[in-house]
Amino acid sequence: MPEQEDRGNPSTSAGAAGGSRDEGVGGAVDWEAERRRRRARFLRELAEARALRDRVQPRRAKAARLRHAMRMRTFRW
């Protein structure tokens, strides 16, 4: 994955965030965009890890689905 290459080089993400703080209002927008990109990458990797776990442990995944369905059935709106 090309996203994982960014983790090994702290100067790219830290340098971009550090330089953008000095710019004022435009820097805040850049910082927020960087934060959203990092969050999106994290959520993608989390979903990928969950999907892998579900494939590797199908019985546990089925039990988790059933527990979730039971919680949703008993939840009162």
C-alpha atoms as a PDB file:
ATOM      1  CA  MET A   1       0.000   0.000   0.000  1.00  0.00           C
ATOM      2  CA  PRO A   2       1.402   3.426  -0.813  1.00  0.00           C
ATOM      3  CA  GLU A   3      -0.205   4.897   2.323  1.00  0.00           C
ATOM      4  CA  GLN A   4       2.039   2.779   4.527  1.00  0.00           C
ATOM      5  CA  GLU A   5       5.154   4.357   3.031  1.00  0.00           C
ATOM      6  CA  ASP A   6       4.166   7.678   4.614  1.00  0.00           C
ATOM      7  CA  ARG A   7       4.388   6.173   8.094  1.00  0.00           C
ATOM      8  CA  GLY A   8       8.072   5.366   7.741  1.00  0.00           C
ATOM      9  CA  ASN A   9       8.975   8.958   6.893  1.00  0.00           C
ATOM     10  CA  PRO A  10       7.963  11.266   9.764  1.00  0.00           C
ATOM     11  CA  SER A  11       9.344  14.337   8.007  1.00  0.00           C
ATOM     12  CA  THR A  12       6.611  14.285   5.356  1.00  0.00           C
ATOM     13  CA  SER A  13       3.612  14.390   7.676  1.00  0.00           C
ATOM     14  CA  ALA A  14       5.199  16.271  10.601  1.00  0.00           C
ATOM     15  CA  GLY A  15       6.948  18.727   8.309  1.00  0.00           C
ATOM     16  CA  ALA A  16       3.789  19.506   6.411  1.00  0.00           C
ATOM     17  CA  ALA A  17       1.805  19.987   9.603  1.00  0.00           C
ATOM     18  CA  GLY A  18       4.553  22.025  11.265  1.00  0.00           C
ATOM     19  CA  GLY A  19       4.959  24.337   8.300  1.00  0.00           C
ATOM     20  CA  SER A  20       1.248  24.903   7.899  1.00  0.00           C
ATOM     21  CA  ARG A  21       0.773  26.125  11.483  1.00  0.00           C
ATOM     22  CA  ASP A  22       2.808  29.250  10.757  1.00  0.00           C
ATOM     23  CA  GLU A  23       0.620  30.253   7.822  1.00  0.00           C
ATOM     24  CA  GLY A  24      -2.407  31.397   9.826  1.00  0.00           C
ATOM     25  CA  VAL A  25      -5.923  30.695   8.595  1.00  0.00           C
ATOM     26  CA  GLY A  26      -4.813  28.757   5.505  1.00  0.00           C
ATOM     27  CA  GLY A  27      -2.595  26.636   7.712  1.00  0.00           C
ATOM     28  CA  ALA A  28      -5.528  25.630   9.887  1.00  0.00           C
ATOM     29  CA  VAL A  29      -7.365  24.413   6.807  1.00  0.00           C
ATOM     30  CA  ASP A  30      -4.312  22.409   5.721  1.00  0.00           C
ATOM     31  CA  TRP A  31      -3.985  20.942   9.198  1.00  0.00           C
ATOM     32  CA  GLU A  32      -7.648  19.904   9.199  1.00  0.00           C
ATOM     33  CA  ALA A  33      -7.290  18.360   5.733  1.00  0.00           C
ATOM     34  CA  GLU A  34      -4.234  16.399   6.898  1.00  0.00           C
ATOM     35  CA  ARG A  35      -6.116  15.229   9.995  1.00  0.00           C
ATOM     36  CA  ARG A  36      -9.054  14.078   7.849  1.00  0.00           C
ATOM     37  CA  ARG A  37      -6.687  12.204   5.517  1.00  0.00           C
ATOM     38  CA  ARG A  38      -5.014  10.443   8.454  1.00  0.00           C
ATOM     39  CA  ARG A  39      -8.400   9.594   9.963  1.00  0.00           C
ATOM     40  CA  ALA A  40      -9.710   8.233   6.640  1.00  0.00           C
ATOM     41  CA  ARG A  41      -6.575   6.095   6.255  1.00  0.00           C
ATOM     42  CA  PHE A  42      -6.966   4.787   9.812  1.00  0.00           C
ATOM     43  CA  LEU A  43     -10.626   3.909   9.254  1.00  0.00           C
ATOM     44  CA  ARG A  44      -9.798   2.135   5.978  1.00  0.00           C
ATOM     45  CA  GLU A  45      -7.107   0.069   7.692  1.00  0.00           C
ATOM     46  CA  LEU A  46      -9.440  -0.689  10.611  1.00  0.00           C
ATOM     47  CA  ALA A  47     -12.170  -1.918   8.262  1.00  0.00           C
ATOM     48  CA  GLU A  48      -9.603  -4.017   6.397  1.00  0.00           C
ATOM     49  CA  ALA A  49      -8.387  -5.566   9.669  1.00  0.00           C
ATOM     50  CA  ARG A  50     -11.950  -6.343  10.747  1.00  0.00           C
ATOM     51  CA  ALA A  51     -12.712  -7.952   7.388  1.00  0.00           C
ATOM     52  CA  LEU A  52      -9.556 -10.066   7.669  1.00  0.00           C
ATOM     53  CA  ARG A  53     -10.483 -11.139  11.209  1.00  0.00           C
ATOM     54  CA  ASP A  54     -13.979 -12.079  10.018  1.00  0.00           C
ATOM     55  CA  ARG A  55     -12.533 -14.221   7.241  1.00  0.00           C
ATOM     56  CA  VAL A  56     -10.047 -15.913   9.557  1.00  0.00           C
ATOM     57  CA  GLN A  57     -12.511 -16.520  12.416  1.00  0.00           C
ATOM     58  CA  PRO A  58     -15.938 -17.035  10.819  1.00  0.00           C
ATOM     59  CA  ARG A  59     -17.519 -18.573  13.930  1.00  0.00           C
ATOM     60  CA  ARG A  60     -16.590 -15.592  16.083  1.00  0.00           C
ATOM     61  CA  ALA A  61     -17.785 -13.203  13.357  1.00  0.00           C
ATOM     62  CA  LYS A  62     -21.145 -14.982  13.176  1.00  0.00           C
ATOM     63  CA  ALA A  63     -21.549 -14.834  16.952  1.00  0.00           C
ATOM     64  CA  ALA A  64     -20.716 -11.118  16.901  1.00  0.00           C
ATOM     65  CA  ARG A  65     -23.310 -10.516  14.158  1.00  0.00           C
ATOM     66  CA  LEU A  66     -25.948 -12.372  16.168  1.00  0.00           C
ATOM     67  CA  ARG A  67     -25.118 -10.418  19.346  1.00  0.00           C
ATOM     68  CA  HIS A  68     -25.315  -7.150  17.431  1.00  0.00           C
ATOM     69  CA  ALA A  69     -28.675  -8.139  15.914  1.00  0.00           C
ATOM     70  CA  MET A  70     -30.012  -9.007  19.372  1.00  0.00           C
ATOM     71  CA  ARG A  71     -28.877  -5.645  20.756  1.00  0.00           C
ATOM     72  CA  MET A  72     -30.535  -3.828  17.886  1.00  0.00           C
ATOM     73  CA  ARG A  73     -33.782  -5.777  18.380  1.00  0.00           C
ATOM     74  CA  THR A  74     -33.973  -4.957  22.059  1.00  0.00           C
ATOM     75  CA  PHE A  75     -32.988  -1.299  21.672  1.00  0.00           C
ATOM     76  CA  ARG A  76     -35.856   1.131  22.238  1.00  0.00           C
ATOM     77  CA  TRP A  77     -36.077   4.189  20.009  1.00  0.00           C
END
